[in-house]
Amino acid sequence: MENKFFILDKQGIIINLKVIPNSSKNKIAGIFNNLIKIKINAPPDKGKANYELISFLSKKLDIKKSDIIILKGEKNKEKKLLIKLNDINKIEKNLFA
């Protein structure tokens, strides 16, 4: 099963993001070219923005940080993440609520 933003994989759910570092606060900022746009209050320096992104998403989704893996884009604004969770509805509800 998949929809516009989430792809169900055998390991969990893959999501594609556009991350905006150095923002005033962490928040879901909407949709940008079929990517979920997330603003992060951390600089893109030595993995700080990636760490903050994973922390933010783990709180938002109520899962462990270790259940979120950056598959692609560690050094880019566009990222592909694996969320080790098989409930697309939970992810969609918690991200866009």
Protein backbone atom coordinates (compact mmCIF):
# COMPACT_ATOMS: atom_id res chain seq x y z
CA MET A 1 0.00 0.00 0.00
CA GLU A 2 1.29 3.45 -0.75
CA ASN A 3 0.05 6.97 -1.14
CA LYS A 4 1.55 10.25 -2.26
CA PHE A 5 4.01 10.64 0.63
CA PHE A 6 4.46 7.20 2.20
CA ILE A 7 5.71 3.93 0.73
CA LEU A 8 5.12 0.73 2.67
CA ASP A 9 8.28 -1.38 2.66
CA LYS A 10 8.97 -4.76 4.27
CA GLN A 11 11.02 -2.98 6.98
CA GLY A 12 8.57 -0.15 7.62
CA ILE A 13 7.48 3.02 5.86
CA ILE A 14 9.65 5.17 3.62
CA ILE A 15 9.01 8.91 3.56
CA ASN A 16 10.58 11.60 1.40
CA LEU A 17 11.33 14.94 3.04
CA LYS A 18 12.68 18.39 2.34
CA VAL A 19 14.42 19.65 5.47
CA ILE A 20 14.99 23.35 6.12
CA PRO A 21 17.72 23.78 8.76
CA ASN A 22 18.38 26.94 10.83
CA SER A 23 14.65 27.58 11.27
CA SER A 24 13.18 29.41 14.25
CA LYS A 25 11.49 26.22 15.50
CA ASN A 26 10.89 22.58 14.60
CA LYS A 27 7.66 22.09 12.67
CA ILE A 28 5.97 20.39 9.75
CA ALA A 29 5.77 23.18 7.19
CA GLY A 30 3.57 21.53 4.56
CA ILE A 31 4.18 19.93 1.20
CA PHE A 32 6.81 20.92 -1.37
CA ASN A 33 7.01 19.13 -4.76
CA ASN A 34 5.52 15.92 -3.30
CA LEU A 35 7.91 16.05 -0.34
CA ILE A 36 6.95 16.65 3.28
CA LYS A 37 8.65 19.92 4.23
CA ILE A 38 10.04 20.04 7.79
CA LYS A 39 11.70 23.04 9.41
CA ILE A 40 14.43 22.21 11.92
CA ASN A 41 15.95 24.50 14.54
CA ALA A 42 19.54 23.30 14.11
CA PRO A 43 22.38 24.12 11.74
CA PRO A 44 23.42 21.71 8.98
CA ASP A 45 26.78 21.25 10.69
CA LYS A 46 28.33 17.93 11.74
CA GLY A 47 24.97 16.12 11.64
CA LYS A 48 23.21 18.47 14.07
CA ALA A 49 20.21 19.05 11.79
CA ASN A 50 19.88 15.30 11.11
CA TYR A 51 19.99 14.53 14.84
CA GLU A 52 17.38 17.22 15.54
CA LEU A 53 15.21 15.91 12.67
CA ILE A 54 15.26 12.38 14.10
CA SER A 55 14.55 13.68 17.62
CA PHE A 56 11.64 15.80 16.36
CA LEU A 57 10.11 12.97 14.34
CA SER A 58 10.50 10.42 17.14
CA LYS A 59 8.56 12.71 19.50
CA LYS A 60 5.95 13.56 16.86
CA LEU A 61 5.42 9.88 15.96
CA ASP A 62 5.87 8.56 19.52
CA ILE A 63 8.58 6.07 18.52
CA LYS A 64 12.22 5.47 19.46
CA LYS A 65 14.93 7.46 17.68
CA SER A 66 16.50 4.15 16.64
CA ASP A 67 13.33 3.39 14.64
CA ILE A 68 14.15 6.22 12.21
CA ILE A 69 16.92 5.70 9.67
CA ILE A 70 18.17 8.14 7.04
CA LEU A 71 18.43 6.02 3.88
CA LYS A 72 19.48 8.80 1.53
CA GLY A 73 20.44 12.47 1.79
CA GLU A 74 22.46 12.71 4.99
CA LYS A 75 24.22 15.77 3.59
CA ASN A 76 21.33 17.13 1.51
CA LYS A 77 18.10 18.95 2.24
CA GLU A 78 16.10 16.26 0.44
CA LYS A 79 16.07 13.04 2.45
CA LYS A 80 14.60 9.57 2.28
CA LEU A 81 13.82 8.09 5.70
CA LEU A 82 12.79 4.65 6.86
CA ILE A 83 10.36 4.64 9.76
CA LYS A 84 10.26 1.22 11.41
CA LEU A 85 6.51 1.25 11.79
CA ASN A 86 3.86 -0.35 9.59
CA ASP A 87 0.96 1.96 10.38
CA ILE A 88 0.71 4.62 7.66
CA ASN A 89 -2.41 6.06 9.30
CA LYS A 90 -0.52 6.68 12.58
CA ILE A 91 2.30 8.44 10.76
CA GLU A 92 -0.05 10.55 8.65
CA LYS A 93 -2.22 11.44 11.66
CA ASN A 94 0.74 12.39 13.90
CA LEU A 95 2.63 14.34 11.26
CA PHE A 96 -0.28 16.39 9.98
CA ALA A 97 -2.35 16.73 13.18
